[in-house]
Amino acid sequence: MESFNSIYQYEVKDYGKVIVKLSDVLEKHGITRNRLRTLTGVKYAVIDRYYKGVNVAMADLNFLAKVCFVLDCEVGDLLEYIRPDNAN
């Protein structure tokens, strides 16, 4: 039987984090935030928030789908889960 980690066995601060890598992906594709705005129709402020990786409390799946479609990439290229140091 498969074993799963429970967030209840860690303090809230110790379950890891998800980082947004939109800036890396845009740089790799040679696309600016303004160009991504034009291609996706998403407001610059939203793109900028993901680009900087700040104030992104919940991922907007519609936004991620648009970016993946335009850049021909996967969600895993845009988001990365970092495990906590003390996790197994």
C-alpha atoms as a PDB file:
ATOM      1  CA  MET A   1       0.000   0.000   0.000  1.00  0.00           C
ATOM      2  CA  GLU A   2       1.286   3.434  -0.893  1.00  0.00           C
ATOM      3  CA  SER A   3       2.309   5.764   1.917  1.00  0.00           C
ATOM      4  CA  PHE A   4       1.353   9.433   1.875  1.00  0.00           C
ATOM      5  CA  ASN A   5       2.604  12.363   3.917  1.00  0.00           C
ATOM      6  CA  SER A   6       0.041  14.161   5.991  1.00  0.00           C
ATOM      7  CA  ILE A   7       0.301  17.912   6.489  1.00  0.00           C
ATOM      8  CA  TYR A   8      -0.956  17.289  10.000  1.00  0.00           C
ATOM      9  CA  GLN A   9       2.318  15.681  11.032  1.00  0.00           C
ATOM     10  CA  TYR A  10       4.247  18.894  10.278  1.00  0.00           C
ATOM     11  CA  GLU A  11       3.935  22.402  11.537  1.00  0.00           C
ATOM     12  CA  VAL A  12       2.207  24.574   8.955  1.00  0.00           C
ATOM     13  CA  LYS A  13       5.495  26.215   8.007  1.00  0.00           C
ATOM     14  CA  ASP A  14       7.126  22.862   7.265  1.00  0.00           C
ATOM     15  CA  TYR A  15       5.118  21.353   4.383  1.00  0.00           C
ATOM     16  CA  GLY A  16       7.165  22.920   1.624  1.00  0.00           C
ATOM     17  CA  LYS A  17       6.318  25.545  -0.941  1.00  0.00           C
ATOM     18  CA  VAL A  18       5.506  26.049  -4.590  1.00  0.00           C
ATOM     19  CA  ILE A  19       7.552  28.546  -6.552  1.00  0.00           C
ATOM     20  CA  VAL A  20       6.489  30.200  -9.791  1.00  0.00           C
ATOM     21  CA  LYS A  21       9.047  30.033 -12.588  1.00  0.00           C
ATOM     22  CA  LEU A  22       7.319  32.212 -15.196  1.00  0.00           C
ATOM     23  CA  SER A  23      10.313  34.546 -15.437  1.00  0.00           C
ATOM     24  CA  ASP A  24      12.612  31.626 -16.312  1.00  0.00           C
ATOM     25  CA  VAL A  25      10.211  30.281 -18.941  1.00  0.00           C
ATOM     26  CA  LEU A  26       9.741  33.686 -20.568  1.00  0.00           C
ATOM     27  CA  GLU A  27      13.484  34.243 -20.677  1.00  0.00           C
ATOM     28  CA  LYS A  28      13.999  30.812 -22.225  1.00  0.00           C
ATOM     29  CA  HIS A  29      11.440  31.606 -24.944  1.00  0.00           C
ATOM     30  CA  GLY A  30      12.668  35.174 -25.436  1.00  0.00           C
ATOM     31  CA  ILE A  31       9.241  36.643 -24.700  1.00  0.00           C
ATOM     32  CA  THR A  32       8.560  39.770 -22.646  1.00  0.00           C
ATOM     33  CA  ARG A  33       5.706  40.241 -20.213  1.00  0.00           C
ATOM     34  CA  ASN A  34       4.124  42.722 -22.632  1.00  0.00           C
ATOM     35  CA  ARG A  35       4.271  40.196 -25.468  1.00  0.00           C
ATOM     36  CA  LEU A  36       2.737  37.526 -23.216  1.00  0.00           C
ATOM     37  CA  ARG A  37      -0.038  39.995 -22.359  1.00  0.00           C
ATOM     38  CA  THR A  38      -0.754  40.464 -26.057  1.00  0.00           C
ATOM     39  CA  LEU A  39      -0.684  36.738 -26.800  1.00  0.00           C
ATOM     40  CA  THR A  40      -2.856  35.661 -23.850  1.00  0.00           C
ATOM     41  CA  GLY A  41      -5.152  38.641 -23.293  1.00  0.00           C
ATOM     42  CA  VAL A  42      -4.298  38.530 -19.589  1.00  0.00           C
ATOM     43  CA  LYS A  43      -3.816  41.819 -17.737  1.00  0.00           C
ATOM     44  CA  TYR A  44      -0.210  42.907 -17.319  1.00  0.00           C
ATOM     45  CA  ALA A  45      -0.649  43.162 -13.532  1.00  0.00           C
ATOM     46  CA  VAL A  46      -1.544  39.458 -13.341  1.00  0.00           C
ATOM     47  CA  ILE A  47       1.388  38.443 -15.530  1.00  0.00           C
ATOM     48  CA  ASP A  48       3.720  40.669 -13.512  1.00  0.00           C
ATOM     49  CA  ARG A  49       2.572  39.083 -10.231  1.00  0.00           C
ATOM     50  CA  TYR A  50       3.354  35.578 -11.539  1.00  0.00           C
ATOM     51  CA  TYR A  51       6.578  36.814 -13.163  1.00  0.00           C
ATOM     52  CA  LYS A  52       7.823  38.190  -9.845  1.00  0.00           C
ATOM     53  CA  GLY A  53       6.347  35.261  -7.903  1.00  0.00           C
ATOM     54  CA  VAL A  54       4.832  37.544  -5.284  1.00  0.00           C
ATOM     55  CA  ASN A  55       1.283  37.592  -3.917  1.00  0.00           C
ATOM     56  CA  VAL A  56       0.407  34.343  -5.671  1.00  0.00           C
ATOM     57  CA  ALA A  57      -1.600  32.628  -2.948  1.00  0.00           C
ATOM     58  CA  MET A  58      -3.629  30.422  -5.310  1.00  0.00           C
ATOM     59  CA  ALA A  59      -2.823  29.411  -8.838  1.00  0.00           C
ATOM     60  CA  ASP A  60      -5.251  30.536 -11.531  1.00  0.00           C
ATOM     61  CA  LEU A  61      -5.665  27.414 -13.677  1.00  0.00           C
ATOM     62  CA  ASN A  62      -7.130  29.420 -16.552  1.00  0.00           C
ATOM     63  CA  PHE A  63      -4.052  31.676 -16.575  1.00  0.00           C
ATOM     64  CA  LEU A  64      -1.695  28.697 -16.421  1.00  0.00           C
ATOM     65  CA  ALA A  65      -3.553  26.981 -19.278  1.00  0.00           C
ATOM     66  CA  LYS A  66      -3.284  30.101 -21.457  1.00  0.00           C
ATOM     67  CA  VAL A  67       0.442  30.433 -20.777  1.00  0.00           C
ATOM     68  CA  CYS A  68       1.028  26.742 -21.469  1.00  0.00           C
ATOM     69  CA  PHE A  69      -0.903  26.985 -24.741  1.00  0.00           C
ATOM     70  CA  VAL A  70       0.912  30.105 -25.931  1.00  0.00           C
ATOM     71  CA  LEU A  71       4.393  28.944 -24.891  1.00  0.00           C
ATOM     72  CA  ASP A  72       3.800  25.268 -25.706  1.00  0.00           C
ATOM     73  CA  CYS A  73       4.965  24.222 -22.249  1.00  0.00           C
ATOM     74  CA  GLU A  74       3.708  22.178 -19.300  1.00  0.00           C
ATOM     75  CA  VAL A  75       2.388  23.396 -15.934  1.00  0.00           C
ATOM     76  CA  GLY A  76       5.454  21.734 -14.384  1.00  0.00           C
ATOM     77  CA  ASP A  77       7.618  24.164 -16.351  1.00  0.00           C
ATOM     78  CA  LEU A  78       5.856  27.069 -14.604  1.00  0.00           C
ATOM     79  CA  LEU A  79       5.523  25.703 -11.061  1.00  0.00           C
ATOM     80  CA  GLU A  80       7.931  23.789  -8.861  1.00  0.00           C
ATOM     81  CA  TYR A  81       7.255  22.151  -5.506  1.00  0.00           C
ATOM     82  CA  ILE A  82      10.088  22.459  -2.990  1.00  0.00           C
ATOM     83  CA  ARG A  83       9.954  19.876  -0.200  1.00  0.00           C
ATOM     84  CA  PRO A  84      10.695  20.989   3.343  1.00  0.00           C
ATOM     85  CA  ASP A  85      14.184  20.246   4.652  1.00  0.00           C
ATOM     86  CA  ASN A  86      12.922  17.877   7.345  1.00  0.00           C
ATOM     87  CA  ALA A  87      10.536  15.811   5.169  1.00  0.00           C
ATOM     88  CA  ASN A  88      11.231  12.209   4.250  1.00  0.00           C
END
